[in-house]
């Protein structure tokens, strides 16, 4: 079941499942009709924000998101940290979640760009980190031990209060179910105090998206 391309259909899917407390829809932030679309999507009580894959420039619709108090799930690569940092600087009230841990090159060539970029983003209090799609960050079969240094870095920079697990549902289907992504996350973070675990698996996300916490 791939994620519906139309954000209206995506929200309709979310509305059919009681366990879904909030939804982040894919929209075109450079669309001239963005304001009208956001107003339409806002009719769904579960609409919490939008997803955007960063390109070569800062999208035009960020002010509209900030004005509506919508969250932004931002996908980027380490080379795109400069515009992301500029976005955080320009829009201090826009809540931003850096998805997929900021796409580090797990198992690839070691580089300080990712670590330094995440550290700078962490200085902006409205920015959080989402540990999503971890099973696809590794070059081969995912390994909790291989992912652990990256989780440790974001936990140190953002603190557990600003790091959240992301299941990737439903876009990961049928390749994997959310339980596999949860296994990768829990193995990567290793043993944690109960209060830290509750933050990572629900508390941080509940505050960020304004929903009821659901602890696995």
Protein backbone atom coordinates (compact mmCIF):
# COMPACT_ATOMS: atom_id res chain seq x y z
CA UNK A 1 0.00 0.00 0.00
CA UNK A 2 2.07 2.95 -1.22
CA UNK A 3 1.38 6.40 0.14
CA UNK A 4 -1.32 8.18 -1.92
CA UNK A 5 0.16 10.88 -4.16
CA UNK A 6 -2.63 13.37 -3.49
CA UNK A 7 -2.37 14.85 0.03
CA UNK A 8 -6.17 14.84 0.28
CA UNK A 9 -6.22 11.07 -0.29
CA UNK A 10 -3.39 10.66 2.19
CA UNK A 11 -5.34 12.46 4.90
CA UNK A 12 -8.43 10.43 4.03
CA UNK A 13 -6.35 7.30 4.63
CA UNK A 14 -5.16 8.67 7.98
CA UNK A 15 -8.73 9.49 8.97
CA UNK A 16 -9.75 5.84 8.47
CA UNK A 17 -7.38 4.62 11.19
CA UNK A 18 -8.01 5.52 14.81
CA UNK A 19 -4.42 4.72 15.82
CA UNK A 20 -3.17 7.56 13.58
CA UNK A 21 -3.16 10.66 15.78
CA UNK A 22 -1.65 13.07 13.29
CA UNK A 23 -0.51 13.13 9.66
CA UNK A 24 2.19 14.94 7.68
CA UNK A 25 1.27 15.32 4.00
CA UNK A 26 3.50 15.77 0.96
CA UNK A 27 2.77 19.12 -0.69
CA UNK A 28 4.55 21.39 -3.14
CA UNK A 29 5.80 24.36 -1.11
CA UNK A 30 6.50 26.27 -4.33
CA UNK A 31 2.94 25.83 -5.64
CA UNK A 32 1.23 29.22 -6.24
CA UNK A 33 -1.96 27.65 -4.90
CA UNK A 34 -0.34 26.50 -1.66
CA UNK A 35 -2.44 28.71 0.63
CA UNK A 36 -5.68 27.34 -0.78
CA UNK A 37 -4.43 23.76 -0.48
CA UNK A 38 -3.31 24.23 3.12
CA UNK A 39 -6.69 25.69 4.01
CA UNK A 40 -8.37 22.66 2.45
CA UNK A 41 -6.10 20.18 4.23
CA UNK A 42 -6.71 21.97 7.52
CA UNK A 43 -10.30 20.68 7.44
CA UNK A 44 -8.84 17.38 8.65
CA UNK A 45 -8.29 17.42 12.41
CA UNK A 46 -5.30 15.09 11.91
CA UNK A 47 -3.37 17.42 9.61
CA UNK A 48 -0.22 18.44 11.47
CA UNK A 49 2.31 19.45 8.87
CA UNK A 50 3.94 18.88 5.50
CA UNK A 51 6.84 16.90 4.12
CA UNK A 52 9.43 18.53 1.84
CA UNK A 53 12.52 17.15 0.14
CA UNK A 54 14.99 20.03 0.00
CA UNK A 55 16.35 20.92 -3.42
CA UNK A 56 18.73 23.64 -4.54
CA UNK A 57 16.81 26.54 -3.03
CA UNK A 58 14.67 27.48 -0.05
CA UNK A 59 10.97 26.88 -0.86
CA UNK A 60 8.61 29.83 -1.01
CA UNK A 61 5.86 28.53 1.25
CA UNK A 62 7.63 28.47 4.62
CA UNK A 63 5.98 31.66 5.85
CA UNK A 64 2.58 30.09 5.18
CA UNK A 65 3.52 27.07 7.30
CA UNK A 66 4.80 29.24 10.12
CA UNK A 67 1.70 31.42 10.07
CA UNK A 68 -0.56 28.34 10.30
CA UNK A 69 1.61 26.74 13.02
CA UNK A 70 2.20 23.70 10.84
CA UNK A 71 5.26 21.50 11.23
CA UNK A 72 7.77 20.80 8.47
CA UNK A 73 9.30 17.37 7.97
CA UNK A 74 12.46 18.15 6.01
CA UNK A 75 14.48 15.60 4.05
CA UNK A 76 17.96 16.65 3.04
CA UNK A 77 21.48 15.47 2.42
CA UNK A 78 24.59 16.72 4.26
CA UNK A 79 25.47 18.98 1.31
CA UNK A 80 22.15 20.78 1.84
CA UNK A 81 22.70 21.74 5.46
CA UNK A 82 23.52 25.42 4.65
CA UNK A 83 20.05 26.23 3.21
CA UNK A 84 18.38 24.22 5.98
CA UNK A 85 20.26 26.24 8.60
CA UNK A 86 19.23 29.44 6.82
CA UNK A 87 15.60 28.26 6.90
CA UNK A 88 15.82 27.74 10.65
CA UNK A 89 17.33 31.20 11.06
CA UNK A 90 14.71 32.97 8.93
CA UNK A 91 11.71 31.20 10.44
CA UNK A 92 12.33 30.81 14.19
CA UNK A 93 8.69 29.87 14.87
CA UNK A 94 8.56 27.16 12.20
CA UNK A 95 8.88 23.73 13.80
CA UNK A 96 11.22 21.63 11.67
CA UNK A 97 11.92 17.90 11.92
CA UNK A 98 15.06 16.71 10.13
CA UNK A 99 13.97 13.27 8.89
CA UNK A 100 16.12 10.17 8.32
CA UNK A 101 18.70 11.56 10.79
CA UNK A 102 19.72 14.04 8.11
CA UNK A 103 20.76 11.20 5.75
CA UNK A 104 24.24 10.34 7.06
CA UNK A 105 26.39 8.12 4.86
CA UNK A 106 26.17 5.07 7.13
CA UNK A 107 28.89 2.60 6.26
CA UNK A 108 30.31 4.93 3.61
CA UNK A 109 33.12 7.47 3.59
CA UNK A 110 33.52 9.19 6.94
CA UNK A 111 32.81 12.90 6.82
CA UNK A 112 32.41 15.70 9.36
CA UNK A 113 29.82 17.50 7.22
CA UNK A 114 26.88 15.53 8.62
CA UNK A 115 27.99 15.72 12.26
CA UNK A 116 28.77 19.43 12.08
CA UNK A 117 25.57 20.25 10.21
CA UNK A 118 23.37 18.44 12.70
CA UNK A 119 25.16 20.17 15.57
CA UNK A 120 24.44 23.60 14.06
CA UNK A 121 20.79 22.76 13.42
CA UNK A 122 20.43 21.55 17.00
CA UNK A 123 21.22 25.08 18.23
CA UNK A 124 17.85 26.19 16.83
CA UNK A 125 15.33 25.19 19.47
CA UNK A 126 12.46 24.77 16.99
CA UNK A 127 14.39 22.04 15.15
CA UNK A 128 14.15 18.38 16.12
CA UNK A 129 15.54 15.17 14.64
CA UNK A 130 13.40 12.26 13.42
CA UNK A 131 15.03 8.83 13.34
CA UNK A 132 13.05 7.55 10.38
CA UNK A 133 13.87 5.13 7.54
CA UNK A 134 16.87 3.84 9.46
CA UNK A 135 16.78 0.47 7.73
CA UNK A 136 17.59 2.16 4.40
CA UNK A 137 20.46 4.32 5.64
CA UNK A 138 22.94 1.46 5.64
CA UNK A 139 24.49 0.35 2.38
CA UNK A 140 23.57 -3.27 3.06
CA UNK A 141 21.46 -5.01 5.66
CA UNK A 142 20.83 -2.63 8.56
CA UNK A 143 22.73 -3.11 11.79
CA UNK A 144 21.91 -1.56 15.15
CA UNK A 145 25.61 -1.39 15.98
CA UNK A 146 26.39 0.40 12.71
CA UNK A 147 23.59 2.93 13.26
CA UNK A 148 24.41 3.54 16.94
CA UNK A 149 27.12 6.26 16.53
CA UNK A 150 24.71 8.40 14.52
CA UNK A 151 21.94 8.05 17.09
CA UNK A 152 24.41 8.84 19.86
CA UNK A 153 25.47 12.02 18.09
CA UNK A 154 21.96 13.38 17.59
CA UNK A 155 20.99 12.45 21.15
CA UNK A 156 23.99 14.36 22.45
CA UNK A 157 23.26 17.43 20.28
CA UNK A 158 19.46 17.57 20.44
CA UNK A 159 18.78 15.71 23.74
CA UNK A 160 16.13 12.97 23.98
CA UNK A 161 13.43 15.63 24.30
CA UNK A 162 14.07 16.62 20.65
CA UNK A 163 14.67 13.23 19.03
CA UNK A 164 11.81 11.00 17.89
CA UNK A 165 11.34 7.62 16.31
CA UNK A 166 9.67 7.60 12.89
CA UNK A 167 8.01 4.44 11.59
CA UNK A 168 7.77 5.49 7.94
CA UNK A 169 4.20 4.17 7.72
CA UNK A 170 2.63 3.80 5.17
CA UNK A 171 5.29 4.75 2.58
CA UNK A 172 7.48 1.79 3.56
CA UNK A 173 4.82 -0.77 2.66
CA UNK A 174 5.01 -3.45 1.35
CA UNK A 175 8.82 -3.63 1.64
CA UNK A 176 8.78 -3.50 5.42
CA UNK A 177 6.39 -3.02 8.30
CA UNK A 178 6.79 -0.52 11.10
CA UNK A 179 7.98 -3.20 13.54
CA UNK A 180 11.20 -3.63 11.57
CA UNK A 181 11.92 0.08 11.68
CA UNK A 182 11.20 0.05 15.41
CA UNK A 183 13.63 -2.86 15.88
CA UNK A 184 16.36 -0.94 14.05
CA UNK A 185 15.77 2.10 16.24
CA UNK A 186 15.69 0.28 19.58
CA UNK A 187 18.79 -1.74 18.72
CA UNK A 188 20.59 1.43 17.64
CA UNK A 189 19.83 3.40 20.82
CA UNK A 190 20.65 0.45 23.07
CA UNK A 191 19.55 0.26 26.73
CA UNK A 192 17.98 3.51 27.94
CA UNK A 193 16.28 4.74 31.09
CA UNK A 194 12.50 4.47 30.98
CA UNK A 195 12.03 8.25 30.88
CA UNK A 196 14.42 8.53 27.90
CA UNK A 197 12.68 5.69 26.09
CA UNK A 198 9.31 7.37 26.60
CA UNK A 199 10.61 10.60 25.11
CA UNK A 200 12.11 8.90 22.07
CA UNK A 201 9.12 6.65 21.40
CA UNK A 202 6.32 9.12 21.91
CA UNK A 203 6.86 12.10 24.17
CA UNK A 204 9.00 14.21 21.81
CA UNK A 205 6.72 13.52 18.85
CA UNK A 206 3.56 14.25 20.85
CA UNK A 207 4.86 17.70 21.80
CA UNK A 208 6.22 18.48 18.35
CA UNK A 209 3.07 17.55 16.43
CA UNK A 210 0.57 18.37 19.18
CA UNK A 211 -0.93 14.90 19.48
CA UNK A 212 -1.53 12.32 22.19
CA UNK A 213 1.55 10.25 22.99
CA UNK A 214 1.46 6.56 22.12
CA UNK A 215 4.33 4.60 23.66
CA UNK A 216 5.00 1.23 21.93
